[in-house]
Amino acid sequence: MNIKVREAVIDDYDIVTKIMNQVQQMHVEWRPDVYRPNHDLISIVAFKEAILSNTFYVAEIEEKVVGILGIMFIHIETPSHITRDILFVDSMAVDEPYRGLGVGHAFFDKIKEISRQKKCDGIELQVNAKNKKAYEMYSNYGFTEKSITMEFK
């Protein structure tokens, strides 16, 4: 199956929000005390800014957008940390019917390529503790736990 990862364009906005809403719905089901149902997870203005800053990508199969990827670049320079430049995966999601077909791996190949081009020191992401499938995929791709966020209610 040929999966193409490309920079997002403004015409992708509707499908991007549809895919983002699928993930948000999972979060709402897992933690309704934390996440709210929202059908405007990224405004058109924020989407345009991400496009202009080359930090939003989509995956296509047969010219149909089936996944989304948002990244950020973080410069860490504090007295307690070694100075590092990190590519942070802010959002990554695949349209439900296309999960398990290799779209995530295509995104990771793109992430590694961008990280090399930008001379980043590392790649980081966060995953919801309930999202076992995503955790397994990230682990299989070589990600390891760096920190764990805990809460007390």
Protein backbone atom coordinates (compact mmCIF):
# COMPACT_ATOMS: atom_id res chain seq x y z
CA MET A 1 0.00 0.00 0.00
CA ASN A 2 1.41 3.37 -1.02
CA ILE A 3 1.19 5.93 1.80
CA LYS A 4 2.24 9.48 0.99
CA VAL A 5 3.03 11.99 3.75
CA ARG A 6 2.89 15.62 2.67
CA GLU A 7 2.58 19.07 4.18
CA ALA A 8 -1.02 20.01 4.92
CA VAL A 9 -2.86 22.60 2.84
CA ILE A 10 -5.87 24.69 3.80
CA ASP A 11 -8.22 22.42 1.81
CA ASP A 12 -7.38 19.62 4.27
CA TYR A 13 -9.03 21.47 7.17
CA ASP A 14 -12.37 19.59 7.19
CA ILE A 15 -10.85 16.09 7.11
CA VAL A 16 -8.19 17.12 9.65
CA THR A 17 -10.86 18.24 12.12
CA LYS A 18 -12.85 15.04 11.47
CA ILE A 19 -9.84 12.87 12.33
CA MET A 20 -8.93 15.01 15.35
CA ASN A 21 -12.50 14.67 16.63
CA GLN A 22 -12.25 10.85 16.45
CA VAL A 23 -9.27 10.95 18.80
CA GLN A 24 -10.92 13.51 21.05
CA GLN A 25 -13.97 11.25 21.35
CA MET A 26 -11.72 8.40 22.56
CA HIS A 27 -10.24 10.75 25.16
CA VAL A 28 -13.71 11.85 26.28
CA GLU A 29 -14.80 8.21 26.67
CA TRP A 30 -11.68 7.37 28.69
CA ARG A 31 -11.67 10.50 30.86
CA PRO A 32 -14.90 12.53 30.72
CA ASP A 33 -13.71 14.31 33.86
CA VAL A 34 -10.78 15.78 31.92
CA TYR A 35 -11.71 16.04 28.24
CA ARG A 36 -14.66 17.84 26.74
CA PRO A 37 -16.45 17.01 23.52
CA ASN A 38 -15.36 19.70 21.11
CA HIS A 39 -15.86 20.00 17.39
CA ASP A 40 -13.35 22.84 16.95
CA LEU A 41 -10.13 21.36 18.30
CA ILE A 42 -8.03 23.46 15.95
CA SER A 43 -9.28 26.77 14.65
CA ILE A 44 -8.86 27.64 11.02
CA VAL A 45 -6.47 30.41 12.10
CA ALA A 46 -4.28 27.99 14.09
CA PHE A 47 -4.38 25.52 11.19
CA LYS A 48 -3.20 28.21 8.77
CA GLU A 49 -0.37 29.12 11.16
CA ALA A 50 0.70 25.47 11.37
CA ILE A 51 0.70 25.25 7.58
CA LEU A 52 2.80 28.41 7.27
CA SER A 53 5.29 27.14 9.86
CA ASN A 54 5.56 23.73 8.12
CA THR A 55 4.50 21.86 11.26
CA PHE A 56 1.36 20.07 10.07
CA TYR A 57 1.31 17.06 7.78
CA VAL A 58 -1.24 14.63 6.39
CA ALA A 59 -0.97 11.06 5.16
CA GLU A 60 -2.73 10.03 1.97
CA ILE A 61 -3.72 6.69 0.53
CA GLU A 62 -4.88 6.93 -3.08
CA GLU A 63 -5.09 10.74 -2.71
CA LYS A 64 -7.45 10.47 0.29
CA VAL A 65 -6.30 12.05 3.56
CA VAL A 66 -6.26 9.28 6.16
CA GLY A 67 -4.04 10.67 8.92
CA ILE A 68 -2.76 13.84 10.55
CA LEU A 69 0.52 14.83 12.15
CA GLY A 70 1.29 18.01 14.07
CA ILE A 71 4.80 18.70 15.34
CA MET A 72 6.57 21.39 17.36
CA PHE A 73 10.19 22.25 17.91
CA ILE A 74 11.21 22.79 21.53
CA HIS A 75 14.52 24.29 22.64
CA ILE A 76 15.42 23.19 26.18
CA GLU A 77 17.98 25.28 28.00
CA THR A 78 17.73 25.33 31.78
CA PRO A 79 20.20 25.15 34.68
CA SER A 80 19.11 21.56 35.39
CA HIS A 81 19.00 20.20 31.82
CA ILE A 82 21.51 19.68 29.07
CA THR A 83 20.70 22.04 26.21
CA ARG A 84 18.69 20.12 23.63
CA ASP A 85 16.50 20.71 20.60
CA ILE A 86 13.52 18.37 20.52
CA LEU A 87 11.03 17.54 17.81
CA PHE A 88 7.80 17.08 19.78
CA VAL A 89 4.91 15.16 18.21
CA ASP A 90 1.95 17.27 19.29
CA SER A 91 -0.73 15.27 17.52
CA MET A 92 -0.83 12.16 15.42
CA ALA A 93 -3.99 10.34 14.42
CA VAL A 94 -5.25 8.00 11.74
CA ASP A 95 -8.80 7.85 10.42
CA GLU A 96 -10.43 4.82 12.03
CA PRO A 97 -10.91 2.67 8.89
CA TYR A 98 -7.22 3.09 8.01
CA ARG A 99 -5.65 2.15 11.34
CA GLY A 100 -3.24 -0.76 11.27
CA LEU A 101 -2.23 -0.22 7.64
CA GLY A 102 1.16 1.41 8.27
CA VAL A 103 0.18 5.08 8.35
CA GLY A 104 1.78 5.54 11.78
CA HIS A 105 5.04 4.06 10.50
CA ALA A 106 4.95 6.39 7.49
CA PHE A 107 4.54 9.30 9.91
CA PHE A 108 7.49 8.10 12.01
CA ASP A 109 9.67 7.88 8.91
CA LYS A 110 8.73 11.50 8.13
CA ILE A 111 9.35 12.55 11.74
CA LYS A 112 12.83 11.01 11.68
CA GLU A 113 13.59 12.71 8.36
CA ILE A 114 12.52 16.13 9.68
CA SER A 115 14.43 15.57 12.92
CA ARG A 116 17.62 14.84 10.96
CA GLN A 117 17.11 17.86 8.69
CA LYS A 118 16.58 20.18 11.69
CA LYS A 119 19.46 18.54 13.60
CA CYS A 120 17.22 17.75 16.58
CA ASP A 121 18.71 15.94 19.55
CA GLY A 122 15.63 13.80 20.10
CA ILE A 123 11.99 13.09 19.33
CA GLU A 124 9.35 13.08 22.06
CA LEU A 125 5.63 12.55 22.34
CA GLN A 126 2.98 11.91 24.95
CA VAL A 127 0.39 9.15 24.95
CA ASN A 128 -2.77 8.73 27.00
CA ALA A 129 -2.30 5.93 29.55
CA LYS A 130 -5.50 4.28 28.30
CA ASN A 131 -4.36 4.23 24.67
CA LYS A 132 -2.69 0.82 24.75
CA LYS A 133 -2.59 0.41 20.95
CA ALA A 134 -0.75 3.70 20.46
CA TYR A 135 1.61 2.92 23.35
CA GLU A 136 2.45 -0.43 21.78
CA MET A 137 3.03 1.13 18.38
CA TYR A 138 5.35 3.78 19.85
CA SER A 139 7.24 1.11 21.81
CA ASN A 140 7.60 -1.04 18.69
CA TYR A 141 9.02 1.95 16.87
CA GLY A 142 11.69 2.39 19.55
CA PHE A 143 10.21 4.96 21.91
CA THR A 144 10.86 4.45 25.62
CA GLU A 145 9.29 6.04 28.67
CA LYS A 146 10.97 9.25 29.77
CA SER A 147 8.58 10.33 32.49
CA ILE A 148 5.18 9.38 33.83
CA THR A 149 2.54 11.90 34.84
CA MET A 150 0.52 10.83 37.86
CA GLU A 151 -2.50 12.46 39.43
CA PHE A 152 -4.27 12.44 42.77
CA LYS A 153 -7.97 13.18 42.92
